[in-house]
């Protein structure tokens, strides 16, 4: 019974995004996503210490790794920066469409 209480205490403090982040890191799928956002948002996102895995591309585009996306998915809406249930990056209340890039096998021409 003591072990169950200990596990429940840990889970009560864990964020859903942390769990997804850990699973995505372990999977190491190499899947990435891109989004077009205003330049100021792109600058701020790539300057974040957490999550790792956000890269600024040209013309306000950003690339997110699967672990970065999982981390943002678990953030509370009140923070103004998260991924919603419809796979849109929401920044300051505005939604930006995330586009899944082909995985590494597809980029090498494999099925």
C-alpha atoms as a PDB file:
ATOM      1  CA  UNK A   1       0.000   0.000   0.000  1.00  0.00           C
ATOM      2  CA  UNK A   2       2.906   2.354   0.772  1.00  0.00           C
ATOM      3  CA  UNK A   3       4.343   1.786  -2.724  1.00  0.00           C
ATOM      4  CA  UNK A   4       0.999   2.615  -4.335  1.00  0.00           C
ATOM      5  CA  UNK A   5       0.816   5.895  -2.407  1.00  0.00           C
ATOM      6  CA  UNK A   6       4.360   6.752  -3.456  1.00  0.00           C
ATOM      7  CA  UNK A   7       3.598   6.131  -7.140  1.00  0.00           C
ATOM      8  CA  UNK A   8       0.379   8.158  -6.924  1.00  0.00           C
ATOM      9  CA  UNK A   9       2.277  11.036  -5.309  1.00  0.00           C
ATOM     10  CA  UNK A  10       4.789  11.072  -8.168  1.00  0.00           C
ATOM     11  CA  UNK A  11       2.063  10.888 -10.804  1.00  0.00           C
ATOM     12  CA  UNK A  12       0.165  13.730  -9.159  1.00  0.00           C
ATOM     13  CA  UNK A  13       3.169  15.991  -9.760  1.00  0.00           C
ATOM     14  CA  UNK A  14       4.080  14.717 -13.234  1.00  0.00           C
ATOM     15  CA  UNK A  15       2.832  16.545 -16.287  1.00  0.00           C
ATOM     16  CA  UNK A  16       1.315  14.671 -19.200  1.00  0.00           C
ATOM     17  CA  UNK A  17       3.833  16.357 -21.525  1.00  0.00           C
ATOM     18  CA  UNK A  18       6.727  15.051 -19.445  1.00  0.00           C
ATOM     19  CA  UNK A  19       5.498  11.502 -19.924  1.00  0.00           C
ATOM     20  CA  UNK A  20       5.011  11.992 -23.684  1.00  0.00           C
ATOM     21  CA  UNK A  21       8.414  13.659 -23.912  1.00  0.00           C
ATOM     22  CA  UNK A  22      10.112  10.692 -22.240  1.00  0.00           C
ATOM     23  CA  UNK A  23       8.298   8.209 -24.501  1.00  0.00           C
ATOM     24  CA  UNK A  24       9.204  10.139 -27.656  1.00  0.00           C
ATOM     25  CA  UNK A  25      12.849  10.374 -26.610  1.00  0.00           C
ATOM     26  CA  UNK A  26      12.977   6.646 -25.988  1.00  0.00           C
ATOM     27  CA  UNK A  27      11.339   5.908 -29.349  1.00  0.00           C
ATOM     28  CA  UNK A  28      13.932   8.088 -31.146  1.00  0.00           C
ATOM     29  CA  UNK A  29      11.726   8.134 -34.242  1.00  0.00           C
ATOM     30  CA  UNK A  30      13.394  11.144 -35.832  1.00  0.00           C
ATOM     31  CA  UNK A  31       9.975  12.522 -36.755  1.00  0.00           C
ATOM     32  CA  UNK A  32       9.877  16.288 -37.095  1.00  0.00           C
ATOM     33  CA  UNK A  33       7.162  18.878 -37.608  1.00  0.00           C
ATOM     34  CA  UNK A  34       7.217  22.350 -39.137  1.00  0.00           C
ATOM     35  CA  UNK A  35       5.045  25.408 -38.655  1.00  0.00           C
ATOM     36  CA  UNK A  36       4.986  28.911 -40.083  1.00  0.00           C
ATOM     37  CA  UNK A  37       4.804  31.481 -37.291  1.00  0.00           C
ATOM     38  CA  UNK A  38       5.512  35.217 -37.062  1.00  0.00           C
ATOM     39  CA  UNK A  39       9.234  36.002 -36.799  1.00  0.00           C
ATOM     40  CA  UNK A  40       8.965  37.214 -33.201  1.00  0.00           C
ATOM     41  CA  UNK A  41       7.390  33.908 -32.143  1.00  0.00           C
ATOM     42  CA  UNK A  42      10.067  31.950 -34.033  1.00  0.00           C
ATOM     43  CA  UNK A  43      12.788  33.893 -32.234  1.00  0.00           C
ATOM     44  CA  UNK A  44      11.225  33.356 -28.812  1.00  0.00           C
ATOM     45  CA  UNK A  45      10.579  29.644 -29.345  1.00  0.00           C
ATOM     46  CA  UNK A  46      14.109  28.874 -30.448  1.00  0.00           C
ATOM     47  CA  UNK A  47      15.513  30.832 -27.488  1.00  0.00           C
ATOM     48  CA  UNK A  48      13.635  28.692 -24.926  1.00  0.00           C
ATOM     49  CA  UNK A  49      15.814  26.606 -22.636  1.00  0.00           C
ATOM     50  CA  UNK A  50      13.100  23.956 -22.550  1.00  0.00           C
ATOM     51  CA  UNK A  51      12.121  22.061 -24.599  1.00  0.00           C
ATOM     52  CA  UNK A  52      15.169  21.256 -26.665  1.00  0.00           C
ATOM     53  CA  UNK A  53      14.494  20.419 -30.291  1.00  0.00           C
ATOM     54  CA  UNK A  54      13.082  23.639 -31.770  1.00  0.00           C
ATOM     55  CA  UNK A  55      15.011  25.047 -34.725  1.00  0.00           C
ATOM     56  CA  UNK A  56      14.399  28.262 -36.611  1.00  0.00           C
ATOM     57  CA  UNK A  57      14.255  27.908 -40.381  1.00  0.00           C
ATOM     58  CA  UNK A  58      13.916  30.656 -42.995  1.00  0.00           C
ATOM     59  CA  UNK A  59      10.931  33.016 -43.271  1.00  0.00           C
ATOM     60  CA  UNK A  60       9.391  32.412 -39.839  1.00  0.00           C
ATOM     61  CA  UNK A  61       9.289  28.642 -40.180  1.00  0.00           C
ATOM     62  CA  UNK A  62      10.297  26.470 -37.269  1.00  0.00           C
ATOM     63  CA  UNK A  63      11.046  22.763 -36.973  1.00  0.00           C
ATOM     64  CA  UNK A  64      10.102  20.791 -33.865  1.00  0.00           C
ATOM     65  CA  UNK A  65      11.281  17.320 -32.959  1.00  0.00           C
ATOM     66  CA  UNK A  66       8.716  14.803 -31.719  1.00  0.00           C
ATOM     67  CA  UNK A  67       9.945  15.166 -28.107  1.00  0.00           C
ATOM     68  CA  UNK A  68       9.610  18.973 -28.306  1.00  0.00           C
ATOM     69  CA  UNK A  69       6.091  18.600 -29.683  1.00  0.00           C
ATOM     70  CA  UNK A  70       5.210  16.147 -26.898  1.00  0.00           C
ATOM     71  CA  UNK A  71       6.515  18.571 -24.281  1.00  0.00           C
ATOM     72  CA  UNK A  72       4.448  21.452 -25.685  1.00  0.00           C
ATOM     73  CA  UNK A  73       1.376  19.221 -25.851  1.00  0.00           C
ATOM     74  CA  UNK A  74       1.450  18.838 -22.071  1.00  0.00           C
ATOM     75  CA  UNK A  75       1.676  22.521 -21.188  1.00  0.00           C
ATOM     76  CA  UNK A  76      -1.383  24.206 -19.685  1.00  0.00           C
ATOM     77  CA  UNK A  77      -3.403  26.491 -21.953  1.00  0.00           C
ATOM     78  CA  UNK A  78      -2.900  29.466 -19.635  1.00  0.00           C
ATOM     79  CA  UNK A  79       0.788  29.666 -20.598  1.00  0.00           C
ATOM     80  CA  UNK A  80      -0.121  30.757 -24.127  1.00  0.00           C
ATOM     81  CA  UNK A  81       2.310  28.352 -25.794  1.00  0.00           C
ATOM     82  CA  UNK A  82       1.221  24.776 -26.347  1.00  0.00           C
ATOM     83  CA  UNK A  83       0.099  22.171 -28.873  1.00  0.00           C
ATOM     84  CA  UNK A  84      -3.642  21.523 -28.811  1.00  0.00           C
ATOM     85  CA  UNK A  85      -5.667  18.365 -29.452  1.00  0.00           C
ATOM     86  CA  UNK A  86      -5.917  19.209 -33.163  1.00  0.00           C
ATOM     87  CA  UNK A  87      -2.110  19.299 -33.597  1.00  0.00           C
ATOM     88  CA  UNK A  88      -1.956  23.071 -33.868  1.00  0.00           C
ATOM     89  CA  UNK A  89       0.737  25.116 -32.211  1.00  0.00           C
ATOM     90  CA  UNK A  90      -1.060  27.776 -30.193  1.00  0.00           C
ATOM     91  CA  UNK A  91       0.922  30.924 -29.472  1.00  0.00           C
ATOM     92  CA  UNK A  92      -0.698  33.877 -27.697  1.00  0.00           C
ATOM     93  CA  UNK A  93      -4.117  32.466 -28.601  1.00  0.00           C
ATOM     94  CA  UNK A  94      -3.385  32.103 -32.326  1.00  0.00           C
ATOM     95  CA  UNK A  95      -3.289  28.623 -33.910  1.00  0.00           C
ATOM     96  CA  UNK A  96      -0.539  27.618 -36.353  1.00  0.00           C
ATOM     97  CA  UNK A  97      -0.796  24.429 -38.372  1.00  0.00           C
ATOM     98  CA  UNK A  98       1.857  21.779 -37.707  1.00  0.00           C
ATOM     99  CA  UNK A  99       2.989  19.777 -40.701  1.00  0.00           C
ATOM    100  CA  UNK A 100       4.525  16.374 -40.072  1.00  0.00           C
ATOM    101  CA  UNK A 101       7.642  15.811 -42.114  1.00  0.00           C
ATOM    102  CA  UNK A 102       8.427  12.380 -43.510  1.00  0.00           C
ATOM    103  CA  UNK A 103      10.398  10.139 -41.154  1.00  0.00           C
ATOM    104  CA  UNK A 104      14.067   9.311 -41.794  1.00  0.00           C
ATOM    105  CA  UNK A 105      13.263   6.104 -43.697  1.00  0.00           C
ATOM    106  CA  UNK A 106      10.989   7.984 -46.113  1.00  0.00           C
ATOM    107  CA  UNK A 107      13.589  10.718 -46.613  1.00  0.00           C
ATOM    108  CA  UNK A 108      16.075   8.022 -47.692  1.00  0.00           C
ATOM    109  CA  UNK A 109      13.563   6.615 -50.186  1.00  0.00           C
ATOM    110  CA  UNK A 110      12.613   3.570 -48.104  1.00  0.00           C
ATOM    111  CA  UNK A 111       8.952   2.538 -47.634  1.00  0.00           C
END
